[in-house]
C-alpha cells in the first residue's frame, strides 16, 4: 500500500544528534550511512525540508509511539491489535 500526501514542506525532529548532524552534512558516521542516504532520497521530494535535534526528554511521547508501532502487527486481528497498542482496548 502506498500513501501519497501533497506536502511541499517538512520539518523533522529527531532525538538522535548523530543522525541530525549527519543529515545536515556536519559529520559523517559509518554506522548510519545507509539511513542518511535513504533520508536524503526521500527528502528530495520536498521543496523545503528542515532537520532539528530535540532532547530525548522532550521526545518521549513520539519515541514511545514509534516503539509501539515498530512491533509486528497481526494481520488477522489488525484492528484489535492496534487498539491494544494505543491503549484503546484493555487487556482484561
PDB file of N, CA and C in Angstrom:
ATOM      1  N   UNK A   1       0.845  -1.167   0.000  1.00  0.00           N
ATOM      2  CA  UNK A   1       0.000   0.000   0.000  1.00  0.00           C
ATOM      3  C   UNK A   1       0.897   1.238   0.000  1.00  0.00           C
ATOM      4  N   UNK A   2       0.579   2.184  -0.843  1.00  0.00           N
ATOM      5  CA  UNK A   2       1.339   3.421  -0.932  1.00  0.00           C
ATOM      6  C   UNK A   2       0.442   4.577  -0.538  1.00  0.00           C
ATOM      7  N   UNK A   3       0.986   5.504   0.229  1.00  0.00           N
ATOM      8  CA  UNK A   3       0.254   6.675   0.658  1.00  0.00           C
ATOM      9  C   UNK A   3       0.946   7.894   0.067  1.00  0.00           C
ATOM     10  N   UNK A   4       0.175   8.724  -0.626  1.00  0.00           N
ATOM     11  CA  UNK A   4       0.731   9.930  -1.215  1.00  0.00           C
ATOM     12  C   UNK A   4       0.097  11.134  -0.541  1.00  0.00           C
ATOM     13  N   UNK A   5       0.930  12.002   0.004  1.00  0.00           N
ATOM     14  CA  UNK A   5       0.468  13.232   0.623  1.00  0.00           C
ATOM     15  C   UNK A   5       1.050  14.400  -0.148  1.00  0.00           C
ATOM     16  N   UNK A   6       0.283  15.426  -0.278  1.00  0.00           N
ATOM     17  CA  UNK A   6       0.724  16.584  -1.064  1.00  0.00           C
ATOM     18  C   UNK A   6       1.313  17.670  -0.161  1.00  0.00           C
ATOM     19  N   UNK A   7       2.443  17.389   0.452  1.00  0.00           N
ATOM     20  CA  UNK A   7       3.146  18.359   1.283  1.00  0.00           C
ATOM     21  C   UNK A   7       4.407  18.792   0.554  1.00  0.00           C
ATOM     22  N   UNK A   8       4.671  20.084   0.536  1.00  0.00           N
ATOM     23  CA  UNK A   8       5.897  20.558  -0.093  1.00  0.00           C
ATOM     24  C   UNK A   8       6.971  20.889   0.948  1.00  0.00           C
ATOM     25  N   UNK A   9       6.541  21.107   2.193  1.00  0.00           N
ATOM     26  CA  UNK A   9       7.454  21.483   3.263  1.00  0.00           C
ATOM     27  C   UNK A   9       7.346  20.473   4.400  1.00  0.00           C
ATOM     28  N   UNK A  10       8.496  20.094   4.950  1.00  0.00           N
ATOM     29  CA  UNK A  10       8.518  19.130   6.047  1.00  0.00           C
ATOM     30  C   UNK A  10       9.524  19.583   7.099  1.00  0.00           C
ATOM     31  N   UNK A  11       9.123  19.508   8.362  1.00  0.00           N
ATOM     32  CA  UNK A  11      10.001  19.801   9.494  1.00  0.00           C
ATOM     33  C   UNK A  11      10.179  18.494  10.249  1.00  0.00           C
ATOM     34  N   UNK A  12      11.419  18.025  10.388  1.00  0.00           N
ATOM     35  CA  UNK A  12      11.716  16.746  11.015  1.00  0.00           C
ATOM     36  C   UNK A  12      12.449  16.992  12.331  1.00  0.00           C
ATOM     37  N   UNK A  13      11.932  16.375  13.399  1.00  0.00           N
ATOM     38  CA  UNK A  13      12.557  16.474  14.717  1.00  0.00           C
ATOM     39  C   UNK A  13      13.086  15.100  15.089  1.00  0.00           C
ATOM     40  N   UNK A  14      14.311  15.037  15.588  1.00  0.00           N
ATOM     41  CA  UNK A  14      14.921  13.767  15.969  1.00  0.00           C
ATOM     42  C   UNK A  14      15.675  13.931  17.276  1.00  0.00           C
ATOM     43  N   UNK A  15      15.640  12.867  18.103  1.00  0.00           N
ATOM     44  CA  UNK A  15      16.424  12.916  19.336  1.00  0.00           C
ATOM     45  C   UNK A  15      17.809  12.297  19.139  1.00  0.00           C
ATOM     46  N   UNK A  16      18.147  11.990  17.893  1.00  0.00           N
ATOM     47  CA  UNK A  16      19.479  11.476  17.593  1.00  0.00           C
ATOM     48  C   UNK A  16      20.348  12.614  17.051  1.00  0.00           C
ATOM     49  N   UNK A  17      21.234  13.114  17.892  1.00  0.00           N
ATOM     50  CA  UNK A  17      22.120  14.204  17.487  1.00  0.00           C
ATOM     51  C   UNK A  17      23.048  13.750  16.363  1.00  0.00           C
ATOM     52  N   UNK A  18      23.513  12.517  16.427  1.00  0.00           N
ATOM     53  CA  UNK A  18      24.390  11.977  15.378  1.00  0.00           C
ATOM     54  C   UNK A  18      23.674  11.978  14.034  1.00  0.00           C
ATOM     55  N   UNK A  19      22.427  11.522  14.018  1.00  0.00           N
ATOM     56  CA  UNK A  19      21.657  11.482  12.777  1.00  0.00           C
ATOM     57  C   UNK A  19      21.375  12.887  12.259  1.00  0.00           C
ATOM     58  N   UNK A  20      20.962  13.773  13.139  1.00  0.00           N
ATOM     59  CA  UNK A  20      20.668  15.150  12.735  1.00  0.00           C
ATOM     60  C   UNK A  20      21.900  15.824  12.130  1.00  0.00           C
ATOM     61  N   UNK A  21      23.048  15.635  12.752  1.00  0.00           N
ATOM     62  CA  UNK A  21      24.282  16.232  12.227  1.00  0.00           C
ATOM     63  C   UNK A  21      24.688  15.597  10.900  1.00  0.00           C
ATOM     64  N   UNK A  22      24.510  14.291  10.780  1.00  0.00           N
ATOM     65  CA  UNK A  22      24.883  13.599   9.539  1.00  0.00           C
ATOM     66  C   UNK A  22      23.992  14.050   8.380  1.00  0.00           C
ATOM     67  N   UNK A  23      22.707  14.196   8.622  1.00  0.00           N
ATOM     68  CA  UNK A  23      21.788  14.641   7.568  1.00  0.00           C
ATOM     69  C   UNK A  23      22.104  16.067   7.155  1.00  0.00           C
ATOM     70  N   UNK A  24      22.441  16.897   8.126  1.00  0.00           N
ATOM     71  CA  UNK A  24      22.765  18.294   7.847  1.00  0.00           C
ATOM     72  C   UNK A  24      24.129  18.453   7.192  1.00  0.00           C
ATOM     73  N   UNK A  25      24.886  17.363   7.114  1.00  0.00           N
ATOM     74  CA  UNK A  25      26.195  17.410   6.467  1.00  0.00           C
ATOM     75  C   UNK A  25      27.313  17.849   7.375  1.00  0.00           C
ATOM     76  N   UNK A  26      27.047  17.947   8.676  1.00  0.00           N
ATOM     77  CA  UNK A  26      28.069  18.418   9.613  1.00  0.00           C
ATOM     78  C   UNK A  26      29.053  17.334  10.034  1.00  0.00           C
ATOM     79  N   UNK A  27      28.633  16.071   9.988  1.00  0.00           N
ATOM     80  CA  UNK A  27      29.523  14.965  10.343  1.00  0.00           C
ATOM     81  C   UNK A  27      29.226  13.761   9.455  1.00  0.00           C
ATOM     82  N   UNK A  28      30.116  12.823   9.429  1.00  0.00           N
ATOM     83  CA  UNK A  28      29.894  11.558   8.726  1.00  0.00           C
ATOM     84  C   UNK A  28      30.023  10.435   9.740  1.00  0.00           C
ATOM     85  N   UNK A  29      29.122   9.488   9.695  1.00  0.00           N
ATOM     86  CA  UNK A  29      29.155   8.354  10.605  1.00  0.00           C
ATOM     87  C   UNK A  29      28.942   7.081   9.803  1.00  0.00           C
ATOM     88  N   UNK A  30      29.917   6.182   9.837  1.00  0.00           N
ATOM     89  CA  UNK A  30      29.838   4.931   9.076  1.00  0.00           C
ATOM     90  C   UNK A  30      28.620   4.102   9.458  1.00  0.00           C
ATOM     91  N   UNK A  31      28.230   4.163  10.728  1.00  0.00           N
ATOM     92  CA  UNK A  31      27.135   3.334  11.231  1.00  0.00           C
ATOM     93  C   UNK A  31      25.786   3.683  10.614  1.00  0.00           C
ATOM     94  N   UNK A  32      25.618   4.933  10.190  1.00  0.00           N
ATOM     95  CA  UNK A  32      24.304   5.358   9.698  1.00  0.00           C
ATOM     96  C   UNK A  32      24.315   5.866   8.260  1.00  0.00           C
ATOM     97  N   UNK A  33      25.338   5.525   7.492  1.00  0.00           N
ATOM     98  CA  UNK A  33      25.423   5.985   6.106  1.00  0.00           C
ATOM     99  C   UNK A  33      24.192   5.578   5.304  1.00  0.00           C
ATOM    100  N   UNK A  34      23.746   4.337   5.455  1.00  0.00           N
ATOM    101  CA  UNK A  34      22.581   3.858   4.711  1.00  0.00           C
ATOM    102  C   UNK A  34      21.310   4.590   5.094  1.00  0.00           C
ATOM    103  N   UNK A  35      21.158   4.861   6.377  1.00  0.00           N
ATOM    104  CA  UNK A  35      19.981   5.590   6.855  1.00  0.00           C
ATOM    105  C   UNK A  35      19.975   7.004   6.289  1.00  0.00           C
ATOM    106  N   UNK A  36      21.108   7.673   6.358  1.00  0.00           N
ATOM    107  CA  UNK A  36      21.217   9.047   5.859  1.00  0.00           C
ATOM    108  C   UNK A  36      20.942   9.085   4.353  1.00  0.00           C
ATOM    109  N   UNK A  37      21.467   8.113   3.636  1.00  0.00           N
ATOM    110  CA  UNK A  37      21.236   8.032   2.190  1.00  0.00           C
ATOM    111  C   UNK A  37      19.738   7.912   1.884  1.00  0.00           C
ATOM    112  N   UNK A  38      19.053   7.054   2.633  1.00  0.00           N
ATOM    113  CA  UNK A  38      17.611   6.871   2.449  1.00  0.00           C
ATOM    114  C   UNK A  38      16.830   8.137   2.778  1.00  0.00           C
ATOM    115  N   UNK A  39      17.202   8.804   3.863  1.00  0.00           N
ATOM    116  CA  UNK A  39      16.529  10.044   4.261  1.00  0.00           C
ATOM    117  C   UNK A  39      16.735  11.119   3.201  1.00  0.00           C
ATOM    118  N   UNK A  40      17.948  11.222   2.678  1.00  0.00           N
ATOM    119  CA  UNK A  40      18.214  12.222   1.638  1.00  0.00           C
ATOM    120  C   UNK A  40      17.420  11.933   0.369  1.00  0.00           C
ATOM    121  N   UNK A  41      17.263  10.655   0.029  1.00  0.00           N
ATOM    122  CA  UNK A  41      16.478  10.284  -1.160  1.00  0.00           C
ATOM    123  C   UNK A  41      15.018  10.689  -0.981  1.00  0.00           C
ATOM    124  N   UNK A  42      14.457  10.408   0.191  1.00  0.00           N
ATOM    125  CA  UNK A  42      13.071  10.793   0.476  1.00  0.00           C
ATOM    126  C   UNK A  42      12.941  12.314   0.527  1.00  0.00           C
ATOM    127  N   UNK A  43      13.951  12.973   1.098  1.00  0.00           N
ATOM    128  CA  UNK A  43      13.928  14.421   1.260  1.00  0.00           C
ATOM    129  C   UNK A  43      13.876  15.164  -0.069  1.00  0.00           C
ATOM    130  N   UNK A  44      14.418  14.563  -1.100  1.00  0.00           N
ATOM    131  CA  UNK A  44      14.458  15.245  -2.395  1.00  0.00           C
ATOM    132  C   UNK A  44      13.062  15.485  -2.967  1.00  0.00           C
ATOM    133  N   UNK A  45      12.049  14.825  -2.425  1.00  0.00           N
ATOM    134  CA  UNK A  45      10.681  15.019  -2.884  1.00  0.00           C
ATOM    135  C   UNK A  45      10.000  16.245  -2.288  1.00  0.00           C
ATOM    136  N   UNK A  46      10.678  16.937  -1.393  1.00  0.00           N
ATOM    137  CA  UNK A  46      10.101  18.120  -0.751  1.00  0.00           C
ATOM    138  C   UNK A  46      10.800  19.384  -1.233  1.00  0.00           C
ATOM    139  N   UNK A  47      10.021  20.452  -1.388  1.00  0.00           N
ATOM    140  CA  UNK A  47      10.606  21.742  -1.773  1.00  0.00           C
ATOM    141  C   UNK A  47      11.478  22.267  -0.641  1.00  0.00           C
ATOM    142  N   UNK A  48      11.000  22.100   0.591  1.00  0.00           N
ATOM    143  CA  UNK A  48      11.739  22.550   1.770  1.00  0.00           C
ATOM    144  C   UNK A  48      11.669  21.474   2.836  1.00  0.00           C
ATOM    145  N   UNK A  49      12.816  21.120   3.398  1.00  0.00           N
ATOM    146  CA  UNK A  49      12.849  20.162   4.500  1.00  0.00           C
ATOM    147  C   UNK A  49      13.894  20.633   5.509  1.00  0.00           C
ATOM    148  N   UNK A  50      13.526  20.602   6.777  1.00  0.00           N
ATOM    149  CA  UNK A  50      14.417  21.058   7.841  1.00  0.00           C
ATOM    150  C   UNK A  50      14.535  19.958   8.890  1.00  0.00           C
ATOM    151  N   UNK A  51      15.733  19.783   9.424  1.00  0.00           N
ATOM    152  CA  UNK A  51      16.000  18.776  10.445  1.00  0.00           C
ATOM    153  C   UNK A  51      16.456  19.471  11.716  1.00  0.00           C
ATOM    154  N   UNK A  52      15.853  19.080  12.829  1.00  0.00           N
ATOM    155  CA  UNK A  52      16.158  19.687  14.122  1.00  0.00           C
ATOM    156  C   UNK A  52      16.394  18.606  15.158  1.00  0.00           C
ATOM    157  N   UNK A  53      17.307  18.886  16.067  1.00  0.00           N
ATOM    158  CA  UNK A  53      17.558  17.967  17.179  1.00  0.00           C
ATOM    159  C   UNK A  53      16.715  18.400  18.373  1.00  0.00           C
ATOM    160  N   UNK A  54      16.084  17.423  19.026  1.00  0.00           N
ATOM    161  CA  UNK A  54      15.373  17.654  20.289  1.00  0.00           C
ATOM    162  C   UNK A  54      15.920  16.659  21.303  1.00  0.00           C
ATOM    163  N   UNK A  55      15.877  17.020  22.560  1.00  0.00           N
ATOM    164  CA  UNK A  55      16.391  16.108  23.584  1.00  0.00           C
ATOM    165  C   UNK A  55      15.463  14.908  23.736  1.00  0.00           C
ATOM    166  N   UNK A  56      16.003  13.795  24.227  1.00  0.00           N
ATOM    167  CA  UNK A  56      15.189  12.597  24.457  1.00  0.00           C
ATOM    168  C   UNK A  56      14.059  12.897  25.443  1.00  0.00           C
ATOM    169  N   UNK A  57      14.327  13.734  26.402  1.00  0.00           N
ATOM    170  CA  UNK A  57      13.315  14.100  27.382  1.00  0.00           C
ATOM    171  C   UNK A  57      12.127  14.799  26.711  1.00  0.00           C
ATOM    172  N   UNK A  58      12.410  15.649  25.751  1.00  0.00           N
ATOM    173  CA  UNK A  58      11.343  16.368  25.043  1.00  0.00           C
ATOM    174  C   UNK A  58      10.663  15.509  23.986  1.00  0.00           C
ATOM    175  N   UNK A  59      11.215  14.336  23.716  1.00  0.00           N
ATOM    176  CA  UNK A  59      10.723  13.495  22.627  1.00  0.00           C
ATOM    177  C   UNK A  59      10.136  12.169  23.119  1.00  0.00           C
ATOM    178  N   UNK A  60       9.866  12.038  24.416  1.00  0.00           N
ATOM    179  CA  UNK A  60       9.471  10.729  24.949  1.00  0.00           C
ATOM    180  C   UNK A  60       8.127  10.235  24.416  1.00  0.00           C
ATOM    181  N   UNK A  61       7.193  11.121  24.121  1.00  0.00           N
ATOM    182  CA  UNK A  61       5.893  10.680  23.608  1.00  0.00           C
ATOM    183  C   UNK A  61       6.050  10.083  22.211  1.00  0.00           C
ATOM    184  N   UNK A  62       6.742  10.798  21.327  1.00  0.00           N
ATOM    185  CA  UNK A  62       6.957  10.300  19.962  1.00  0.00           C
ATOM    186  C   UNK A  62       7.798   9.028  19.984  1.00  0.00           C
ATOM    187  N   UNK A  63       8.785   8.958  20.862  1.00  0.00           N
ATOM    188  CA  UNK A  63       9.630   7.773  20.963  1.00  0.00           C
ATOM    189  C   UNK A  63       8.816   6.554  21.389  1.00  0.00           C
ATOM    190  N   UNK A  64       7.946   6.738  22.363  1.00  0.00           N
ATOM    191  CA  UNK A  64       7.090   5.641  22.817  1.00  0.00           C
ATOM    192  C   UNK A  64       6.152   5.159  21.726  1.00  0.00           C
ATOM    193  N   UNK A  65       5.582   6.084  20.982  1.00  0.00           N
ATOM    194  CA  UNK A  65       4.685   5.732  19.881  1.00  0.00           C
ATOM    195  C   UNK A  65       5.443   4.976  18.795  1.00  0.00           C
ATOM    196  N   UNK A  66       6.633   5.440  18.456  1.00  0.00           N
ATOM    197  CA  UNK A  66       7.436   4.768  17.427  1.00  0.00           C
ATOM    198  C   UNK A  66       7.803   3.353  17.862  1.00  0.00           C
ATOM    199  N   UNK A  67       8.143   3.171  19.121  1.00  0.00           N
ATOM    200  CA  UNK A  67       8.480   1.835  19.630  1.00  0.00           C
ATOM    201  C   UNK A  67       7.274   0.912  19.576  1.00  0.00           C
ATOM    202  N   UNK A  68       6.100   1.431  19.914  1.00  0.00           N
ATOM    203  CA  UNK A  68       4.882   0.621  19.848  1.00  0.00           C
ATOM    204  C   UNK A  68       4.573   0.213  18.415  1.00  0.00           C
ATOM    205  N   UNK A  69       4.731   1.136  17.489  1.00  0.00           N
ATOM    206  CA  UNK A  69       4.384   0.866  16.094  1.00  0.00           C
ATOM    207  C   UNK A  69       5.431   0.042  15.366  1.00  0.00           C
ATOM    208  N   UNK A  70       6.624  -0.081  15.925  1.00  0.00           N
ATOM    209  CA  UNK A  70       7.673  -0.850  15.257  1.00  0.00           C
ATOM    210  C   UNK A  70       7.507  -2.350  15.462  1.00  0.00           C
ATOM    211  N   UNK A  71       6.622  -2.746  16.368  1.00  0.00           N
ATOM    212  CA  UNK A  71       6.371  -4.163  16.608  1.00  0.00           C
ATOM    213  C   UNK A  71       5.454  -4.699  15.513  1.00  0.00           C
ATOM    214  N   UNK A  72       5.628  -5.955  15.114  1.00  0.00           N
ATOM    215  CA  UNK A  72       4.779  -6.536  14.069  1.00  0.00           C
ATOM    216  C   UNK A  72       3.301  -6.510  14.464  1.00  0.00           C
ATOM    217  N   UNK A  73       2.473  -6.271  13.475  1.00  0.00           N
ATOM    218  CA  UNK A  73       1.031  -6.244  13.682  1.00  0.00           C
ATOM    219  C   UNK A  73       0.431  -7.522  13.112  1.00  0.00           C
ATOM    220  N   UNK A  74      -0.418  -8.157  13.870  1.00  0.00           N
ATOM    221  CA  UNK A  74      -1.113  -9.352  13.400  1.00  0.00           C
ATOM    222  C   UNK A  74      -2.109  -8.949  12.324  1.00  0.00           C
ATOM    223  N   UNK A  75      -1.986  -9.521  11.128  1.00  0.00           N
ATOM    224  CA  UNK A  75      -2.899  -9.188  10.044  1.00  0.00           C
ATOM    225  C   UNK A  75      -4.303  -9.720  10.296  1.00  0.00           C
ATOM    226  N   UNK A  76      -4.422 -10.789  11.046  1.00  0.00           N
ATOM    227  CA  UNK A  76      -5.734 -11.366  11.339  1.00  0.00           C
ATOM    228  C   UNK A  76      -6.528 -10.489  12.296  1.00  0.00           C
ATOM    229  N   UNK A  77      -5.861  -9.914  13.252  1.00  0.00           N
ATOM    230  CA  UNK A  77      -6.523  -9.102  14.264  1.00  0.00           C
ATOM    231  C   UNK A  77      -5.988  -7.675  14.245  1.00  0.00           C
ATOM    232  N   UNK A  78      -5.817  -7.115  13.069  1.00  0.00           N
ATOM    233  CA  UNK A  78      -5.154  -5.819  12.935  1.00  0.00           C
ATOM    234  C   UNK A  78      -5.814  -4.737  13.787  1.00  0.00           C
ATOM    235  N   UNK A  79      -7.134  -4.601  13.709  1.00  0.00           N
ATOM    236  CA  UNK A  79      -7.805  -3.542  14.456  1.00  0.00           C
ATOM    237  C   UNK A  79      -7.737  -3.796  15.960  1.00  0.00           C
ATOM    238  N   UNK A  80      -7.897  -5.033  16.373  1.00  0.00           N
ATOM    239  CA  UNK A  80      -7.823  -5.386  17.791  1.00  0.00           C
ATOM    240  C   UNK A  80      -6.418  -5.115  18.329  1.00  0.00           C
ATOM    241  N   UNK A  81      -5.403  -5.517  17.550  1.00  0.00           N
ATOM    242  CA  UNK A  81      -4.011  -5.332  17.952  1.00  0.00           C
ATOM    243  C   UNK A  81      -3.683  -3.842  18.066  1.00  0.00           C
ATOM    244  N   UNK A  82      -4.115  -3.040  17.112  1.00  0.00           N
ATOM    245  CA  UNK A  82      -3.849  -1.602  17.167  1.00  0.00           C
ATOM    246  C   UNK A  82      -4.552  -0.960  18.352  1.00  0.00           C
ATOM    247  N   UNK A  83      -5.755  -1.449  18.675  1.00  0.00           N
ATOM    248  CA  UNK A  83      -6.470  -0.920  19.834  1.00  0.00           C
ATOM    249  C   UNK A  83      -5.689  -1.128  21.114  1.00  0.00           C
ATOM    250  N   UNK A  84      -5.061  -2.290  21.263  1.00  0.00           N
ATOM    251  CA  UNK A  84      -4.221  -2.559  22.432  1.00  0.00           C
ATOM    252  C   UNK A  84      -2.989  -1.666  22.435  1.00  0.00           C
ATOM    253  N   UNK A  85      -2.376  -1.500  21.282  1.00  0.00           N
ATOM    254  CA  UNK A  85      -1.153  -0.697  21.213  1.00  0.00           C
ATOM    255  C   UNK A  85      -1.383   0.751  21.603  1.00  0.00           C
ATOM    256  N   UNK A  86      -2.540   1.273  21.236  1.00  0.00           N
ATOM    257  CA  UNK A  86      -2.821   2.685  21.547  1.00  0.00           C
ATOM    258  C   UNK A  86      -3.580   2.844  22.849  1.00  0.00           C
ATOM    259  N   UNK A  87      -3.746   1.736  23.589  1.00  0.00           N
ATOM    260  CA  UNK A  87      -4.421   1.813  24.878  1.00  0.00           C
ATOM    261  C   UNK A  87      -5.926   2.003  24.771  1.00  0.00           C
ATOM    262  N   UNK A  88      -6.485   1.687  23.597  1.00  0.00           N
ATOM    263  CA  UNK A  88      -7.921   1.837  23.398  1.00  0.00           C
ATOM    264  C   UNK A  88      -8.703   0.630  23.907  1.00  0.00           C
ATOM    265  N   UNK A  89      -8.028  -0.509  23.998  1.00  0.00           N
ATOM    266  CA  UNK A  89      -8.648  -1.749  24.458  1.00  0.00           C
ATOM    267  C   UNK A  89      -7.819  -2.264  25.626  1.00  0.00           C
ATOM    268  N   UNK A  90      -8.475  -2.539  26.734  1.00  0.00           N
ATOM    269  CA  UNK A  90      -7.732  -3.042  27.892  1.00  0.00           C
ATOM    270  C   UNK A  90      -7.491  -4.539  27.740  1.00  0.00           C
ATOM    271  N   UNK A  91      -6.494  -5.049  28.434  1.00  0.00           N
ATOM    272  CA  UNK A  91      -6.116  -6.460  28.354  1.00  0.00           C
ATOM    273  C   UNK A  91      -7.021  -7.352  29.199  1.00  0.00           C
ATOM    274  N   UNK A  92      -7.849  -6.777  30.044  1.00  0.00           N
ATOM    275  CA  UNK A  92      -8.678  -7.583  30.937  1.00  0.00           C
ATOM    276  C   UNK A  92      -9.869  -8.205  30.249  1.00  0.00           C
TER     277      UNK A  92
END
